[in-house]
PDB file of N, CA and C in Angstrom:
ATOM      1  N   MET A   1       4.504  26.622  25.628  1.00  0.00           N
ATOM      2  CA  MET A   1       5.003  25.377  25.106  1.00  0.00           C
ATOM      3  C   MET A   1       4.149  24.973  23.904  1.00  0.00           C
ATOM      4  N   GLN A   2       4.778  24.451  22.897  1.00  0.00           N
ATOM      5  CA  GLN A   2       4.072  24.052  21.690  1.00  0.00           C
ATOM      6  C   GLN A   2       3.428  22.686  21.873  1.00  0.00           C
ATOM      7  N   LYS A   3       2.277  22.534  21.250  1.00  0.00           N
ATOM      8  CA  LYS A   3       1.603  21.237  21.281  1.00  0.00           C
ATOM      9  C   LYS A   3       2.155  20.351  20.172  1.00  0.00           C
ATOM     10  N   ALA A   4       2.242  19.082  20.445  1.00  0.00           N
ATOM     11  CA  ALA A   4       2.700  18.120  19.441  1.00  0.00           C
ATOM     12  C   ALA A   4       1.598  17.907  18.417  1.00  0.00           C
ATOM     13  N   LEU A   5       1.996  17.827  17.170  1.00  0.00           N
ATOM     14  CA  LEU A   5       1.042  17.545  16.109  1.00  0.00           C
ATOM     15  C   LEU A   5       0.821  16.052  16.022  1.00  0.00           C
ATOM     16  N   HIS A   6      -0.418  15.657  15.852  1.00  0.00           N
ATOM     17  CA  HIS A   6      -0.738  14.237  15.725  1.00  0.00           C
ATOM     18  C   HIS A   6      -0.345  13.753  14.339  1.00  0.00           C
ATOM     19  N   TYR A   7       0.291  12.608  14.307  1.00  0.00           N
ATOM     20  CA  TYR A   7       0.681  12.000  13.035  1.00  0.00           C
ATOM     21  C   TYR A   7      -0.537  11.337  12.422  1.00  0.00           C
ATOM     22  N   ARG A   8      -0.866  11.717  11.195  1.00  0.00           N
ATOM     23  CA  ARG A   8      -2.034  11.161  10.518  1.00  0.00           C
ATOM     24  C   ARG A   8      -1.599  10.434   9.270  1.00  0.00           C
ATOM     25  N   ARG A   9      -1.839   9.141   9.262  1.00  0.00           N
ATOM     26  CA  ARG A   9      -1.548   8.345   8.067  1.00  0.00           C
ATOM     27  C   ARG A   9      -2.731   8.400   7.135  1.00  0.00           C
ATOM     28  N   ASP A  10      -2.452   8.150   5.880  1.00  0.00           N
ATOM     29  CA  ASP A  10      -3.519   8.127   4.886  1.00  0.00           C
ATOM     30  C   ASP A  10      -4.192   6.767   4.988  1.00  0.00           C
ATOM     31  N   LEU A  11      -5.091   6.634   5.966  1.00  0.00           N
ATOM     32  CA  LEU A  11      -5.749   5.367   6.256  1.00  0.00           C
ATOM     33  C   LEU A  11      -7.159   5.397   5.695  1.00  0.00           C
ATOM     34  N   LEU A  12      -7.447   4.495   4.808  1.00  0.00           N
ATOM     35  CA  LEU A  12      -8.724   4.470   4.125  1.00  0.00           C
ATOM     36  C   LEU A  12      -9.373   3.120   4.318  1.00  0.00           C
ATOM     37  N   THR A  13     -10.676   3.094   4.228  1.00  0.00           N
ATOM     38  CA  THR A  13     -11.420   1.842   4.273  1.00  0.00           C
ATOM     39  C   THR A  13     -12.302   1.790   3.042  1.00  0.00           C
ATOM     40  N   PRO A  14     -12.070   0.831   2.134  1.00  0.00           N
ATOM     41  CA  PRO A  14     -12.880   0.776   0.931  1.00  0.00           C
ATOM     42  C   PRO A  14     -14.314   0.386   1.240  1.00  0.00           C
ATOM     43  N   ALA A  15     -15.238   1.060   0.595  1.00  0.00           N
ATOM     44  CA  ALA A  15     -16.653   0.719   0.751  1.00  0.00           C
ATOM     45  C   ALA A  15     -17.021  -0.364  -0.247  1.00  0.00           C
ATOM     46  N   ALA A  16     -17.998  -1.170   0.095  1.00  0.00           N
ATOM     47  CA  ALA A  16     -18.431  -2.231  -0.800  1.00  0.00           C
ATOM     48  C   ALA A  16     -18.967  -1.627  -2.086  1.00  0.00           C
ATOM     49  N   GLY A  17     -18.639  -2.221  -3.223  1.00  0.00           N
ATOM     50  CA  GLY A  17     -19.126  -1.745  -4.514  1.00  0.00           C
ATOM     51  C   GLY A  17     -18.352  -0.571  -5.065  1.00  0.00           C
ATOM     52  N   SER A  18     -17.123  -0.370  -4.612  1.00  0.00           N
ATOM     53  CA  SER A  18     -16.369   0.788  -5.052  1.00  0.00           C
ATOM     54  C   SER A  18     -15.089   0.403  -5.779  1.00  0.00           C
ATOM     55  N   ALA A  19     -15.147  -0.618  -6.617  1.00  0.00           N
ATOM     56  CA  ALA A  19     -13.956  -1.075  -7.331  1.00  0.00           C
ATOM     57  C   ALA A  19     -13.403   0.017  -8.239  1.00  0.00           C
ATOM     58  N   MET A  20     -14.296   0.809  -8.852  1.00  0.00           N
ATOM     59  CA  MET A  20     -13.834   1.887  -9.725  1.00  0.00           C
ATOM     60  C   MET A  20     -13.108   2.961  -8.920  1.00  0.00           C
ATOM     61  N   ASN A  21     -13.628   3.289  -7.744  1.00  0.00           N
ATOM     62  CA  ASN A  21     -12.966   4.270  -6.882  1.00  0.00           C
ATOM     63  C   ASN A  21     -11.599   3.768  -6.437  1.00  0.00           C
ATOM     64  N   LEU A  22     -11.492   2.476  -6.168  1.00  0.00           N
ATOM     65  CA  LEU A  22     -10.206   1.905  -5.774  1.00  0.00           C
ATOM     66  C   LEU A  22      -9.208   1.971  -6.917  1.00  0.00           C
ATOM     67  N   ARG A  23      -9.666   1.732  -8.137  1.00  0.00           N
ATOM     68  CA  ARG A  23      -8.772   1.844  -9.300  1.00  0.00           C
ATOM     69  C   ARG A  23      -8.259   3.269  -9.457  1.00  0.00           C
ATOM     70  N   GLU A  24      -9.147   4.236  -9.258  1.00  0.00           N
ATOM     71  CA  GLU A  24      -8.742   5.636  -9.344  1.00  0.00           C
ATOM     72  C   GLU A  24      -7.727   5.975  -8.253  1.00  0.00           C
ATOM     73  N   LEU A  25      -7.944   5.462  -7.060  1.00  0.00           N
ATOM     74  CA  LEU A  25      -7.019   5.703  -5.958  1.00  0.00           C
ATOM     75  C   LEU A  25      -5.650   5.103  -6.249  1.00  0.00           C
ATOM     76  N   VAL A  26      -5.627   3.887  -6.778  1.00  0.00           N
ATOM     77  CA  VAL A  26      -4.357   3.227  -7.107  1.00  0.00           C
ATOM     78  C   VAL A  26      -3.618   4.010  -8.182  1.00  0.00           C
ATOM     79  N   ALA A  27      -4.338   4.544  -9.156  1.00  0.00           N
ATOM     80  CA  ALA A  27      -3.710   5.320 -10.218  1.00  0.00           C
ATOM     81  C   ALA A  27      -3.231   6.684  -9.712  1.00  0.00           C
ATOM     82  N   GLU A  28      -3.919   7.227  -8.732  1.00  0.00           N
ATOM     83  CA  GLU A  28      -3.631   8.577  -8.242  1.00  0.00           C
ATOM     84  C   GLU A  28      -2.468   8.618  -7.253  1.00  0.00           C
ATOM     85  N   LYS A  29      -2.403   7.657  -6.348  1.00  0.00           N
ATOM     86  CA  LYS A  29      -1.386   7.642  -5.295  1.00  0.00           C
ATOM     87  C   LYS A  29      -0.118   6.940  -5.763  1.00  0.00           C
ATOM     88  N   ALA A  30       1.018   7.378  -5.230  1.00  0.00           N
ATOM     89  CA  ALA A  30       2.296   6.768  -5.603  1.00  0.00           C
ATOM     90  C   ALA A  30       2.417   5.351  -5.069  1.00  0.00           C
ATOM     91  N   VAL A  31       2.000   5.139  -3.819  1.00  0.00           N
ATOM     92  CA  VAL A  31       2.081   3.813  -3.198  1.00  0.00           C
ATOM     93  C   VAL A  31       0.777   3.553  -2.450  1.00  0.00           C
ATOM     94  N   VAL A  32       0.179   2.395  -2.730  1.00  0.00           N
ATOM     95  CA  VAL A  32      -1.049   1.977  -2.064  1.00  0.00           C
ATOM     96  C   VAL A  32      -0.836   0.568  -1.519  1.00  0.00           C
ATOM     97  N   VAL A  33      -1.231   0.369  -0.273  1.00  0.00           N
ATOM     98  CA  VAL A  33      -1.115  -0.947   0.358  1.00  0.00           C
ATOM     99  C   VAL A  33      -2.504  -1.405   0.772  1.00  0.00           C
ATOM    100  N   PHE A  34      -2.938  -2.551   0.236  1.00  0.00           N
ATOM    101  CA  PHE A  34      -4.164  -3.200   0.683  1.00  0.00           C
ATOM    102  C   PHE A  34      -3.761  -4.164   1.781  1.00  0.00           C
ATOM    103  N   ALA A  35      -4.307  -3.966   2.977  1.00  0.00           N
ATOM    104  CA  ALA A  35      -3.886  -4.759   4.133  1.00  0.00           C
ATOM    105  C   ALA A  35      -5.095  -5.201   4.945  1.00  0.00           C
ATOM    106  N   ARG A  36      -4.869  -6.212   5.755  1.00  0.00           N
ATOM    107  CA  ARG A  36      -5.885  -6.663   6.710  1.00  0.00           C
ATOM    108  C   ARG A  36      -5.441  -6.235   8.099  1.00  0.00           C
ATOM    109  N   LYS A  37      -6.400  -5.820   8.900  1.00  0.00           N
ATOM    110  CA  LYS A  37      -6.082  -5.440  10.272  1.00  0.00           C
ATOM    111  C   LYS A  37      -5.569  -6.657  11.030  1.00  0.00           C
ATOM    112  N   GLY A  38      -4.499  -6.450  11.774  1.00  0.00           N
ATOM    113  CA  GLY A  38      -3.953  -7.523  12.587  1.00  0.00           C
ATOM    114  C   GLY A  38      -3.034  -8.471  11.853  1.00  0.00           C
ATOM    115  N   CYS A  39      -2.794  -8.255  10.567  1.00  0.00           N
ATOM    116  CA  CYS A  39      -1.918  -9.136   9.779  1.00  0.00           C
ATOM    117  C   CYS A  39      -0.465  -8.725  10.016  1.00  0.00           C
ATOM    118  N   CYS A  40       0.357  -9.657  10.492  1.00  0.00           N
ATOM    119  CA  CYS A  40       1.744  -9.335  10.803  1.00  0.00           C
ATOM    120  C   CYS A  40       2.551  -9.022   9.541  1.00  0.00           C
ATOM    121  N   MET A  41       2.255  -9.679   8.430  1.00  0.00           N
ATOM    122  CA  MET A  41       2.976  -9.405   7.184  1.00  0.00           C
ATOM    123  C   MET A  41       2.636  -8.016   6.653  1.00  0.00           C
ATOM    124  N   CYS A  42       1.388  -7.617   6.806  1.00  0.00           N
ATOM    125  CA  CYS A  42       0.970  -6.272   6.399  1.00  0.00           C
ATOM    126  C   CYS A  42       1.683  -5.232   7.253  1.00  0.00           C
ATOM    127  N   HIS A  43       1.827  -5.520   8.520  1.00  0.00           N
ATOM    128  CA  HIS A  43       2.507  -4.608   9.436  1.00  0.00           C
ATOM    129  C   HIS A  43       3.971  -4.433   9.029  1.00  0.00           C
ATOM    130  N   VAL A  44       4.631  -5.504   8.651  1.00  0.00           N
ATOM    131  CA  VAL A  44       6.038  -5.448   8.241  1.00  0.00           C
ATOM    132  C   VAL A  44       6.191  -4.584   6.992  1.00  0.00           C
ATOM    133  N   VAL A  45       5.310  -4.748   6.014  1.00  0.00           N
ATOM    134  CA  VAL A  45       5.389  -3.946   4.790  1.00  0.00           C
ATOM    135  C   VAL A  45       5.180  -2.473   5.107  1.00  0.00           C
ATOM    136  N   LYS A  46       4.199  -2.165   5.945  1.00  0.00           N
ATOM    137  CA  LYS A  46       3.942  -0.770   6.327  1.00  0.00           C
ATOM    138  C   LYS A  46       5.166  -0.165   7.009  1.00  0.00           C
ATOM    139  N   LEU A  47       5.780  -0.912   7.934  1.00  0.00           N
ATOM    140  CA  LEU A  47       6.968  -0.417   8.624  1.00  0.00           C
ATOM    141  C   LEU A  47       8.131  -0.195   7.674  1.00  0.00           C
ATOM    142  N   LEU A  48       8.348  -1.115   6.762  1.00  0.00           N
ATOM    143  CA  LEU A  48       9.444  -0.985   5.813  1.00  0.00           C
ATOM    144  C   LEU A  48       9.270   0.260   4.954  1.00  0.00           C
ATOM    145  N   LEU A  49       8.073   0.463   4.434  1.00  0.00           N
ATOM    146  CA  LEU A  49       7.832   1.640   3.600  1.00  0.00           C
ATOM    147  C   LEU A  49       7.963   2.922   4.410  1.00  0.00           C
ATOM    148  N   ASN A  50       7.443   2.925   5.627  1.00  0.00           N
ATOM    149  CA  ASN A  50       7.566   4.114   6.477  1.00  0.00           C
ATOM    150  C   ASN A  50       9.020   4.402   6.825  1.00  0.00           C
ATOM    151  N   CYS A  51       9.827   3.369   7.050  1.00  0.00           N
ATOM    152  CA  CYS A  51      11.246   3.565   7.364  1.00  0.00           C
ATOM    153  C   CYS A  51      12.010   4.156   6.189  1.00  0.00           C
ATOM    154  N   HIS A  52      11.531   3.918   4.980  1.00  0.00           N
ATOM    155  CA  HIS A  52      12.141   4.522   3.795  1.00  0.00           C
ATOM    156  C   HIS A  52      11.670   5.952   3.568  1.00  0.00           C
ATOM    157  N   GLY A  53      10.709   6.394   4.351  1.00  0.00           N
ATOM    158  CA  GLY A  53      10.202   7.751   4.192  1.00  0.00           C
ATOM    159  C   GLY A  53       9.000   7.845   3.280  1.00  0.00           C
ATOM    160  N   VAL A  54       8.413   6.716   2.958  1.00  0.00           N
ATOM    161  CA  VAL A  54       7.236   6.679   2.089  1.00  0.00           C
ATOM    162  C   VAL A  54       5.999   6.751   2.974  1.00  0.00           C
ATOM    163  N   ASN A  55       5.016   7.504   2.555  1.00  0.00           N
ATOM    164  CA  ASN A  55       3.748   7.589   3.273  1.00  0.00           C
ATOM    165  C   ASN A  55       2.672   6.964   2.386  1.00  0.00           C
ATOM    166  N   PRO A  56       2.548   5.639   2.415  1.00  0.00           N
ATOM    167  CA  PRO A  56       1.594   4.987   1.503  1.00  0.00           C
ATOM    168  C   PRO A  56       0.150   5.186   1.937  1.00  0.00           C
ATOM    169  N   ALA A  57      -0.738   5.119   0.972  1.00  0.00           N
ATOM    170  CA  ALA A  57      -2.164   5.051   1.276  1.00  0.00           C
ATOM    171  C   ALA A  57      -2.444   3.615   1.688  1.00  0.00           C
ATOM    172  N   ILE A  58      -2.966   3.438   2.889  1.00  0.00           N
ATOM    173  CA  ILE A  58      -3.197   2.098   3.420  1.00  0.00           C
ATOM    174  C   ILE A  58      -4.689   1.861   3.483  1.00  0.00           C
ATOM    175  N   LEU A  59      -5.152   0.812   2.818  1.00  0.00           N
ATOM    176  CA  LEU A  59      -6.565   0.474   2.806  1.00  0.00           C
ATOM    177  C   LEU A  59      -6.773  -0.806   3.582  1.00  0.00           C
ATOM    178  N   ASP A  60      -7.514  -0.715   4.657  1.00  0.00           N
ATOM    179  CA  ASP A  60      -7.837  -1.897   5.454  1.00  0.00           C
ATOM    180  C   ASP A  60      -8.989  -2.628   4.782  1.00  0.00           C
ATOM    181  N   VAL A  61      -8.744  -3.881   4.451  1.00  0.00           N
ATOM    182  CA  VAL A  61      -9.707  -4.692   3.714  1.00  0.00           C
ATOM    183  C   VAL A  61     -10.374  -5.657   4.680  1.00  0.00           C
ATOM    184  N   ASP A  62     -11.688  -5.724   4.616  1.00  0.00           N
ATOM    185  CA  ASP A  62     -12.413  -6.722   5.387  1.00  0.00           C
ATOM    186  C   ASP A  62     -13.079  -7.693   4.414  1.00  0.00           C
ATOM    187  N   GLU A  63     -13.844  -8.605   4.943  1.00  0.00           N
ATOM    188  CA  GLU A  63     -14.453  -9.630   4.090  1.00  0.00           C
ATOM    189  C   GLU A  63     -15.433  -9.033   3.075  1.00  0.00           C
ATOM    190  N   LEU A  64     -16.107  -7.958   3.443  1.00  0.00           N
ATOM    191  CA  LEU A  64     -17.089  -7.365   2.539  1.00  0.00           C
ATOM    192  C   LEU A  64     -16.439  -6.681   1.342  1.00  0.00           C
ATOM    193  N   SER A  65     -15.299  -6.044   1.541  1.00  0.00           N
ATOM    194  CA  SER A  65     -14.668  -5.310   0.452  1.00  0.00           C
ATOM    195  C   SER A  65     -13.608  -6.131  -0.277  1.00  0.00           C
ATOM    196  N   GLU A  66     -13.435  -7.377   0.112  1.00  0.00           N
ATOM    197  CA  GLU A  66     -12.416  -8.215  -0.530  1.00  0.00           C
ATOM    198  C   GLU A  66     -12.739  -8.475  -2.006  1.00  0.00           C
ATOM    199  N   ALA A  67     -14.011  -8.502  -2.366  1.00  0.00           N
ATOM    200  CA  ALA A  67     -14.395  -8.715  -3.762  1.00  0.00           C
ATOM    201  C   ALA A  67     -13.926  -7.564  -4.641  1.00  0.00           C
ATOM    202  N   ASP A  68     -13.998  -6.334  -4.137  1.00  0.00           N
ATOM    203  CA  ASP A  68     -13.521  -5.186  -4.903  1.00  0.00           C
ATOM    204  C   ASP A  68     -12.017  -5.261  -5.119  1.00  0.00           C
ATOM    205  N   VAL A  69     -11.291  -5.684  -4.109  1.00  0.00           N
ATOM    206  CA  VAL A  69      -9.844  -5.816  -4.220  1.00  0.00           C
ATOM    207  C   VAL A  69      -9.497  -6.930  -5.189  1.00  0.00           C
ATOM    208  N   THR A  70     -10.287  -7.993  -5.203  1.00  0.00           N
ATOM    209  CA  THR A  70     -10.060  -9.107  -6.125  1.00  0.00           C
ATOM    210  C   THR A  70     -10.142  -8.627  -7.573  1.00  0.00           C
ATOM    211  N   GLU A  71     -11.067  -7.722  -7.877  1.00  0.00           N
ATOM    212  CA  GLU A  71     -11.185  -7.193  -9.234  1.00  0.00           C
ATOM    213  C   GLU A  71      -9.939  -6.423  -9.640  1.00  0.00           C
ATOM    214  N   ILE A  72      -9.359  -5.672  -8.723  1.00  0.00           N
ATOM    215  CA  ILE A  72      -8.191  -4.857  -9.039  1.00  0.00           C
ATOM    216  C   ILE A  72      -6.937  -5.714  -9.147  1.00  0.00           C
ATOM    217  N   VAL A  73      -6.750  -6.610  -8.179  1.00  0.00           N
ATOM    218  CA  VAL A  73      -5.546  -7.434  -8.148  1.00  0.00           C
ATOM    219  C   VAL A  73      -5.603  -8.510  -9.222  1.00  0.00           C
ATOM    220  N   GLY A  74      -6.774  -9.033  -9.476  1.00  0.00           N
ATOM    221  CA  GLY A  74      -6.911 -10.113 -10.443  1.00  0.00           C
ATOM    222  C   GLY A  74      -6.642 -11.444  -9.777  1.00  0.00           C
ATOM    223  N   GLY A  75      -7.654 -12.252  -9.642  1.00  0.00           N
ATOM    224  CA  GLY A  75      -7.505 -13.530  -8.963  1.00  0.00           C
ATOM    225  C   GLY A  75      -7.645 -13.377  -7.467  1.00  0.00           C
ATOM    226  N   ALA A  76      -7.227 -14.375  -6.750  1.00  0.00           N
ATOM    227  CA  ALA A  76      -7.327 -14.348  -5.290  1.00  0.00           C
ATOM    228  C   ALA A  76      -6.306 -13.364  -4.741  1.00  0.00           C
ATOM    229  N   PRO A  77      -6.745 -12.377  -3.965  1.00  0.00           N
ATOM    230  CA  PRO A  77      -5.794 -11.388  -3.454  1.00  0.00           C
ATOM    231  C   PRO A  77      -4.885 -11.964  -2.384  1.00  0.00           C
ATOM    232  N   GLN A  78      -3.662 -11.523  -2.417  1.00  0.00           N
ATOM    233  CA  GLN A  78      -2.672 -11.891  -1.425  1.00  0.00           C
ATOM    234  C   GLN A  78      -2.413 -10.637  -0.602  1.00  0.00           C
ATOM    235  N   PHE A  79      -2.516 -10.720   0.704  1.00  0.00           N
ATOM    236  CA  PHE A  79      -2.325  -9.545   1.536  1.00  0.00           C
ATOM    237  C   PHE A  79      -1.005  -9.626   2.267  1.00  0.00           C
ATOM    238  N   PRO A  80      -0.242  -8.571   2.259  1.00  0.00           N
ATOM    239  CA  PRO A  80      -0.525  -7.266   1.701  1.00  0.00           C
ATOM    240  C   PRO A  80      -0.369  -7.255   0.191  1.00  0.00           C
ATOM    241  N   ALA A  81      -1.154  -6.424  -0.474  1.00  0.00           N
ATOM    242  CA  ALA A  81      -1.016  -6.189  -1.913  1.00  0.00           C
ATOM    243  C   ALA A  81      -0.516  -4.760  -2.066  1.00  0.00           C
ATOM    244  N   VAL A  82       0.696  -4.610  -2.584  1.00  0.00           N
ATOM    245  CA  VAL A  82       1.345  -3.304  -2.681  1.00  0.00           C
ATOM    246  C   VAL A  82       1.347  -2.852  -4.137  1.00  0.00           C
ATOM    247  N   PHE A  83       0.821  -1.657  -4.368  1.00  0.00           N
ATOM    248  CA  PHE A  83       0.836  -1.033  -5.684  1.00  0.00           C
ATOM    249  C   PHE A  83       1.814   0.122  -5.646  1.00  0.00           C
ATOM    250  N   VAL A  84       2.727   0.161  -6.617  1.00  0.00           N
ATOM    251  CA  VAL A  84       3.698   1.248  -6.723  1.00  0.00           C
ATOM    252  C   VAL A  84       3.569   1.842  -8.111  1.00  0.00           C
ATOM    253  N   GLY A  85       3.301   3.117  -8.179  1.00  0.00           N
ATOM    254  CA  GLY A  85       3.163   3.787  -9.465  1.00  0.00           C
ATOM    255  C   GLY A  85       1.975   3.292 -10.267  1.00  0.00           C
ATOM    256  N   GLY A  86       0.917   2.885  -9.591  1.00  0.00           N
ATOM    257  CA  GLY A  86      -0.291   2.424 -10.269  1.00  0.00           C
ATOM    258  C   GLY A  86      -0.267   0.988 -10.730  1.00  0.00           C
ATOM    259  N   GLU A  87       0.832   0.278 -10.496  1.00  0.00           N
ATOM    260  CA  GLU A  87       0.959  -1.122 -10.913  1.00  0.00           C
ATOM    261  C   GLU A  87       1.144  -2.013  -9.689  1.00  0.00           C
ATOM    262  N   LEU A  88       0.646  -3.234  -9.791  1.00  0.00           N
ATOM    263  CA  LEU A  88       0.818  -4.187  -8.699  1.00  0.00           C
ATOM    264  C   LEU A  88       2.293  -4.549  -8.574  1.00  0.00           C
ATOM    265  N   PHE A  89       2.861  -4.243  -7.416  1.00  0.00           N
ATOM    266  CA  PHE A  89       4.257  -4.572  -7.153  1.00  0.00           C
ATOM    267  C   PHE A  89       4.372  -5.974  -6.588  1.00  0.00           C
ATOM    268  N   GLY A  90       3.439  -6.353  -5.725  1.00  0.00           N
ATOM    269  CA  GLY A  90       3.444  -7.691  -5.157  1.00  0.00           C
ATOM    270  C   GLY A  90       3.110  -7.667  -3.684  1.00  0.00           C
ATOM    271  N   GLY A  91       3.453  -8.753  -3.039  1.00  0.00           N
ATOM    272  CA  GLY A  91       3.204  -8.903  -1.615  1.00  0.00           C
ATOM    273  C   GLY A  91       4.477  -8.721  -0.817  1.00  0.00           C
ATOM    274  N   LEU A  92       4.501  -9.320   0.353  1.00  0.00           N
ATOM    275  CA  LEU A  92       5.644  -9.180   1.251  1.00  0.00           C
ATOM    276  C   LEU A  92       6.923  -9.713   0.624  1.00  0.00           C
ATOM    277  N   GLU A  93       6.861 -10.861  -0.022  1.00  0.00           N
ATOM    278  CA  GLU A  93       8.065 -11.454  -0.605  1.00  0.00           C
ATOM    279  C   GLU A  93       8.680 -10.564  -1.671  1.00  0.00           C
ATOM    280  N   GLU A  94       7.848  -9.996  -2.535  1.00  0.00           N
ATOM    281  CA  GLU A  94       8.362  -9.137  -3.604  1.00  0.00           C
ATOM    282  C   GLU A  94       8.951  -7.844  -3.044  1.00  0.00           C
ATOM    283  N   VAL A  95       8.281  -7.266  -2.064  1.00  0.00           N
ATOM    284  CA  VAL A  95       8.773  -6.019  -1.473  1.00  0.00           C
ATOM    285  C   VAL A  95      10.081  -6.257  -0.731  1.00  0.00           C
ATOM    286  N   MET A  96      10.141  -7.316   0.077  1.00  0.00           N
ATOM    287  CA  MET A  96      11.377  -7.617   0.811  1.00  0.00           C
ATOM    288  C   MET A  96      12.508  -8.009  -0.137  1.00  0.00           C
ATOM    289  N   GLY A  97      12.188  -8.767  -1.176  1.00  0.00           N
ATOM    290  CA  GLY A  97      13.208  -9.141  -2.162  1.00  0.00           C
ATOM    291  C   GLY A  97      13.775  -7.921  -2.871  1.00  0.00           C
ATOM    292  N   ALA A  98      12.902  -6.981  -3.226  1.00  0.00           N
ATOM    293  CA  ALA A  98      13.362  -5.756  -3.879  1.00  0.00           C
ATOM    294  C   ALA A  98      14.179  -4.904  -2.910  1.00  0.00           C
ATOM    295  N   HIS A  99      13.802  -4.900  -1.652  1.00  0.00           N
ATOM    296  CA  HIS A  99      14.555  -4.150  -0.653  1.00  0.00           C
ATOM    297  C   HIS A  99      15.950  -4.734  -0.480  1.00  0.00           C
ATOM    298  N   ILE A 100      16.048  -6.037  -0.365  1.00  0.00           N
ATOM    299  CA  ILE A 100      17.337  -6.692  -0.156  1.00  0.00           C
ATOM    300  C   ILE A 100      18.242  -6.529  -1.372  1.00  0.00           C
ATOM    301  N   SER A 101      17.672  -6.607  -2.577  1.00  0.00           N
ATOM    302  CA  SER A 101      18.483  -6.491  -3.791  1.00  0.00           C
ATOM    303  C   SER A 101      18.780  -5.051  -4.180  1.00  0.00           C
ATOM    304  N   GLY A 102      18.170  -4.083  -3.483  1.00  0.00           N
ATOM    305  CA  GLY A 102      18.426  -2.680  -3.788  1.00  0.00           C
ATOM    306  C   GLY A 102      17.546  -2.111  -4.883  1.00  0.00           C
ATOM    307  N   GLU A 103      16.524  -2.830  -5.291  1.00  0.00           N
ATOM    308  CA  GLU A 103      15.642  -2.365  -6.363  1.00  0.00           C
ATOM    309  C   GLU A 103      14.444  -1.569  -5.856  1.00  0.00           C
ATOM    310  N   LEU A 104      14.183  -1.612  -4.559  1.00  0.00           N
ATOM    311  CA  LEU A 104      12.985  -0.961  -4.019  1.00  0.00           C
ATOM    312  C   LEU A 104      13.088   0.560  -4.073  1.00  0.00           C
ATOM    313  N   VAL A 105      14.196   1.123  -3.626  1.00  0.00           N
ATOM    314  CA  VAL A 105      14.339   2.581  -3.578  1.00  0.00           C
ATOM    315  C   VAL A 105      14.259   3.201  -4.975  1.00  0.00           C
ATOM    316  N   PRO A 106      14.966   2.669  -5.988  1.00  0.00           N
ATOM    317  CA  PRO A 106      14.804   3.255  -7.329  1.00  0.00           C
ATOM    318  C   PRO A 106      13.370   3.171  -7.850  1.00  0.00           C
ATOM    319  N   ARG A 107      12.686   2.085  -7.537  1.00  0.00           N
ATOM    320  CA  ARG A 107      11.297   1.947  -7.985  1.00  0.00           C
ATOM    321  C   ARG A 107      10.386   2.959  -7.293  1.00  0.00           C
ATOM    322  N   LEU A 108      10.644   3.199  -6.012  1.00  0.00           N
ATOM    323  CA  LEU A 108       9.879   4.201  -5.281  1.00  0.00           C
ATOM    324  C   LEU A 108      10.171   5.604  -5.801  1.00  0.00           C
ATOM    325  N   ARG A 109      11.404   5.849  -6.198  1.00  0.00           N
ATOM    326  CA  ARG A 109      11.750   7.159  -6.789  1.00  0.00           C
ATOM    327  C   ARG A 109      11.039   7.361  -8.115  1.00  0.00           C
ATOM    328  N   GLU A 110      10.997   6.317  -8.941  1.00  0.00           N
ATOM    329  CA  GLU A 110      10.300   6.414 -10.228  1.00  0.00           C
ATOM    330  C   GLU A 110       8.822   6.743 -10.046  1.00  0.00           C
ATOM    331  N   ALA A 111       8.234   6.204  -9.003  1.00  0.00           N
ATOM    332  CA  ALA A 111       6.814   6.441  -8.724  1.00  0.00           C
ATOM    333  C   ALA A 111       6.605   7.778  -8.007  1.00  0.00           C
ATOM    334  N   ARG A 112       7.693   8.485  -7.716  1.00  0.00           N
ATOM    335  CA  ARG A 112       7.670   9.764  -7.001  1.00  0.00           C
ATOM    336  C   ARG A 112       7.129   9.624  -5.570  1.00  0.00           C
ATOM    337  N   ALA A 113       7.427   8.488  -4.971  1.00  0.00           N
ATOM    338  CA  ALA A 113       7.079   8.283  -3.577  1.00  0.00           C
ATOM    339  C   ALA A 113       8.214   8.742  -2.672  1.00  0.00           C
ATOM    340  N   LEU A 114       9.421   8.848  -3.234  1.00  0.00           N
ATOM    341  CA  LEU A 114      10.585   9.342  -2.514  1.00  0.00           C
ATOM    342  C   LEU A 114      11.132  10.565  -3.244  1.00  0.00           C
ATOM    343  N   TRP A 115      11.625  11.503  -2.488  1.00  0.00           N
ATOM    344  CA  TRP A 115      12.156  12.722  -3.101  1.00  0.00           C
ATOM    345  C   TRP A 115      13.665  12.720  -3.147  1.00  0.00           C
ATOM    346  N   LEU A 116      14.335  11.993  -2.278  1.00  0.00           N
ATOM    347  CA  LEU A 116      15.802  11.997  -2.248  1.00  0.00           C
ATOM    348  C   LEU A 116      16.355  10.748  -2.841  1.00  0.00           C
TER     349      LEU A 116
END
């Protein structure tokens, strides 16, 4: 009998003082989600992207690394902060609005996060 393969998400934790590394990660990955553990809105965004077949890089942000995220997002960060194609897409409202209006899938295709 074959063993089941464990599903591994691209789950990262930013280290303090690594704003440059975070910028490189955002530029390198098609979709990046900055989220807080236990945040229900962050969970909804992750589920929506996963249901579309996107495997985003998810960075769990704590109080220590929030300053690095503030530098990238600009101003007070809103969680979840979703980057698509290296650009800030927005939070839950922007992602859900784009999903409802049909703009999310084409944007994900442009960023090469979706193949079909």
